[in-house]
Protein backbone atom coordinates (compact mmCIF):
# COMPACT_ATOMS: atom_id res chain seq x y z
CA MET A 1 -86.19 -100.99 -36.12
CA VAL A 2 -87.09 -101.00 -32.47
CA PRO A 3 -90.52 -102.60 -32.02
CA LYS A 4 -92.74 -101.96 -29.02
CA ARG A 5 -92.72 -105.65 -28.29
CA TRP A 6 -89.05 -105.48 -27.22
CA ALA A 7 -88.87 -101.93 -25.83
CA ARG A 8 -92.24 -100.89 -24.48
CA ARG A 9 -91.41 -97.33 -23.43
CA ALA A 10 -90.93 -94.71 -26.15
CA VAL A 11 -88.06 -93.22 -24.18
CA THR A 12 -86.21 -96.54 -24.33
CA ARG A 13 -86.88 -96.96 -28.05
CA ASN A 14 -85.60 -93.45 -28.75
CA THR A 15 -82.51 -94.02 -26.61
CA ILE A 16 -81.71 -97.20 -28.54
CA LYS A 17 -82.23 -95.41 -31.86
CA ARG A 18 -79.86 -92.62 -30.80
CA GLN A 19 -77.23 -95.19 -29.93
CA ILE A 20 -77.68 -96.81 -33.36
CA TYR A 21 -77.18 -93.44 -35.07
CA ALA A 22 -74.08 -92.64 -32.98
CA ILE A 23 -72.36 -95.98 -33.57
CA SER A 24 -73.27 -96.11 -37.26
CA ALA A 25 -71.69 -92.68 -37.75
CA GLN A 26 -68.41 -94.05 -36.36
CA TYR A 27 -68.45 -96.95 -38.84
CA GLU A 28 -69.74 -94.94 -41.82
CA VAL A 29 -66.42 -94.86 -43.69
CA ARG A 30 -65.76 -98.57 -43.14
CA LEU A 31 -69.14 -99.81 -44.38
CA PRO A 32 -70.17 -100.01 -48.03
CA CYS A 33 -72.51 -97.34 -49.28
CA ALA A 34 -75.87 -99.06 -48.88
CA ALA A 35 -78.99 -99.05 -46.76
CA HIS A 36 -78.31 -100.91 -43.52
CA VAL A 37 -81.07 -102.16 -41.26
CA VAL A 38 -80.55 -102.69 -37.55
CA ARG A 39 -83.38 -104.60 -35.91
CA LEU A 40 -83.86 -105.24 -32.23
CA ARG A 41 -84.51 -108.97 -31.91
CA ALA A 42 -84.73 -109.34 -28.14
CA GLY A 43 -85.84 -107.18 -25.29
CA PHE A 44 -83.80 -105.52 -22.60
CA ASP A 45 -84.84 -106.81 -19.18
CA ARG A 46 -86.63 -104.05 -17.26
CA LYS A 47 -85.44 -105.57 -13.99
CA GLN A 48 -81.82 -105.11 -15.02
CA PHE A 49 -82.31 -101.75 -16.78
CA ILE A 50 -84.78 -100.00 -14.49
CA SER A 51 -84.39 -96.52 -15.97
CA ALA A 52 -85.40 -96.08 -19.60
CA THR A 53 -82.32 -93.94 -20.27
CA SER A 54 -79.82 -95.35 -17.78
CA THR A 55 -76.11 -95.25 -18.47
CA LEU A 56 -76.04 -99.02 -18.01
CA LEU A 57 -78.61 -99.48 -20.80
CA LYS A 58 -76.72 -97.14 -23.12
CA GLN A 59 -73.45 -99.00 -22.50
CA ALA A 60 -75.08 -102.39 -23.14
CA VAL A 61 -76.63 -101.15 -26.38
CA ARG A 62 -73.38 -99.52 -27.54
CA LEU A 63 -71.36 -102.68 -26.83
CA GLU A 64 -73.76 -104.86 -28.77
CA LEU A 65 -73.93 -102.40 -31.66
CA ALA A 66 -70.14 -102.04 -31.81
CA GLN A 67 -69.81 -105.82 -32.13
CA LEU A 68 -72.47 -105.90 -34.83
CA PHE A 69 -70.95 -103.07 -36.87
CA GLU A 70 -67.44 -104.47 -36.45
CA ARG A 71 -68.60 -107.77 -37.93
CA ALA A 72 -70.32 -105.95 -40.80
CA ALA A 73 -67.27 -103.80 -41.49
CA ASN A 74 -64.93 -106.82 -41.62
CA LYS A 75 -67.10 -108.86 -43.99
CA PRO A 76 -65.39 -109.46 -47.33
């Protein structure tokens, strides 16, 4: 879930969602078969990520998602 409160521009929300889909596909075999919810809990600073689809934003999102999915995959 990517609420407008944390990512105001639709382009940014869609970019974040695409990153979620890409990373989750990589971890699909390592995660249990269940519905998984990824929720954006804090915004991305527009001063740091000026472009809604910048490479810097995509890298930051991918890094955070990789850490999240790695933790979920290693849970007993």
